Amino acid sequence: MISEIIKGNIIDFAKEGMFDFIAHGCNTMCAMKSGVAVDTAKNFRCDQFPMEKERNVNKLGNIDSQKFLIYRNQFINTLSNSYKELESQPNKKFVIVVNAYTQAYPGVPFYGDAIPLSYEALDLCFQKINHFFGTSHAVLGLPYMIGCGLAGGDITRVKEIIEKRCTHFKKIIYCNING
């Protein structure tokens, strides 16, 4: 598995078809109001994924995902009526977006933790992402500071967990919007 850091917006790169999968960290309280979660909710409506219907701390360490067709610089959910009209298009490119529940509460440490990010939940999420989606040709796109902004994680520790767990992917690309 190869990993690299590139400068740019993860959503823009997804529209270009650079990734097979995108994952971002989120909390179990259905609040996508900061960081990359704002853009993923706007572009993929990941705030409407099935597990987002209920605030529940028991989502910690779980993942939720949906598949999107990349069509004319847009993302079309494969469960939508719009997709049914485009199903016969040749040379389709897809991206799967993953909500990784790595924080119990937005900006607040969970019981006994010093920071909002749960390293144990992060580890479980990326074990699942690797198990369900990792293949030798798949490219995973991640925000560079996943779990390290308001969640307070240490970038070195976070990258170590991700790269230890995501061994089945061809490549992991971290997108750093700030360069």
Foldseek 3Di string as FASTA:
>chain_A
DAEDEDEDDPLQCVLVLVFQEEEAEDALQLDQDDDCSVVCCVQVVPSPFPSNPDRDLVCQLPKTKFKWWNDPSHTHTCVDPVVVVVVPPPPIGMHMYMYQHQFHDQLDPDVPDPFRGDLVSLLSSLLVCQVPPFALAGEYEYAQCGCCDSRNDDSVSSVVSNCVRNPRHNYYYHYYNVD
